[in-house]
Amino acid sequence: MNLMHAQEGREYIIKAIVTDDEEMDAFLFSLGCYSGEPITVISHLRAGCVVSIKDGRYTIDNQLAQAIEI
């Protein structure tokens, strides 16, 4: 399951980042988004979603959300 199907307000553990794009992978890693880390979807938006990773909140687009397996 990816972040697009996650319930708002529930904490999940990231299982994998599924992408062939090195730049996207590096960007997500810089946010602290990698296997084993907890992630919470704060809200779903039409163009993506707002997530909480560690102590930060980020707005990510649908392409990034689909790459994060939970």
Protein backbone atom coordinates (compact mmCIF):
# COMPACT_ATOMS: atom_id res chain seq x y z
CA MET A 1 0.00 0.00 0.00
CA ASN A 2 1.28 3.51 -0.72
CA LEU A 3 0.56 6.86 0.94
CA MET A 4 -2.27 7.61 -1.48
CA HIS A 5 -4.36 4.98 0.34
CA ALA A 6 -3.33 5.88 3.91
CA GLN A 7 -5.83 7.05 6.52
CA GLU A 8 -5.41 10.59 7.76
CA GLY A 9 -4.02 10.87 11.29
CA ARG A 10 -2.74 7.29 11.50
CA GLU A 11 0.99 6.57 11.88
CA TYR A 12 2.55 4.11 9.44
CA ILE A 13 6.06 2.68 9.07
CA ILE A 14 7.74 3.19 5.71
CA LYS A 15 8.48 -0.21 4.15
CA ALA A 16 10.22 0.97 0.97
CA ILE A 17 10.74 3.78 -1.49
CA VAL A 18 9.78 2.42 -4.93
CA THR A 19 11.36 4.60 -7.61
CA ASP A 20 13.98 4.40 -10.33
CA ASP A 21 14.55 8.15 -10.12
CA GLU A 22 17.76 8.81 -8.16
CA GLU A 23 16.86 12.47 -7.68
CA MET A 24 13.47 11.62 -6.15
CA ASP A 25 15.08 9.01 -3.89
CA ALA A 26 17.69 11.52 -2.69
CA PHE A 27 15.01 14.18 -2.09
CA LEU A 28 12.89 11.83 0.03
CA PHE A 29 15.99 10.72 1.96
CA SER A 30 16.80 14.38 2.69
CA LEU A 31 13.34 14.75 4.26
CA GLY A 32 14.04 11.75 6.51
CA CYS A 33 11.76 9.51 4.47
CA TYR A 34 13.35 6.04 4.28
CA SER A 35 12.64 2.44 5.32
CA GLY A 36 11.80 1.94 8.98
CA GLU A 37 10.81 5.55 9.68
CA PRO A 38 7.32 6.45 10.93
CA ILE A 39 5.18 8.69 8.72
CA THR A 40 1.73 10.19 9.30
CA VAL A 41 -0.62 11.57 6.65
CA ILE A 42 -2.05 14.81 8.04
CA SER A 43 -4.40 15.44 5.12
CA HIS A 44 -5.04 14.41 1.52
CA LEU A 45 -5.06 17.11 -1.13
CA ARG A 46 -6.10 16.93 -4.76
CA ALA A 47 -2.50 17.31 -5.93
CA GLY A 48 -0.88 15.25 -3.14
CA CYS A 49 -0.88 15.13 0.63
CA VAL A 50 0.54 16.72 3.77
CA VAL A 51 2.73 14.35 5.78
CA SER A 52 4.54 14.45 9.08
CA ILE A 53 8.02 12.91 9.09
CA LYS A 54 10.08 13.18 12.28
CA ASP A 55 9.49 16.76 13.50
CA GLY A 56 8.56 18.28 10.15
CA ARG A 57 5.45 18.68 8.00
CA TYR A 58 5.77 18.51 4.23
CA THR A 59 3.45 18.75 1.26
CA ILE A 60 4.30 16.08 -1.28
CA ASP A 61 2.78 15.54 -4.70
CA ASN A 62 0.97 12.41 -5.87
CA GLN A 63 4.07 11.04 -7.62
CA LEU A 64 6.08 11.12 -4.38
CA ALA A 65 3.17 9.72 -2.37
CA GLN A 66 2.85 6.77 -4.74
CA ALA A 67 6.58 6.00 -4.38
CA ILE A 68 6.33 5.62 -0.58
CA GLU A 69 5.22 2.10 0.37
CA ILE A 70 3.80 1.65 3.86
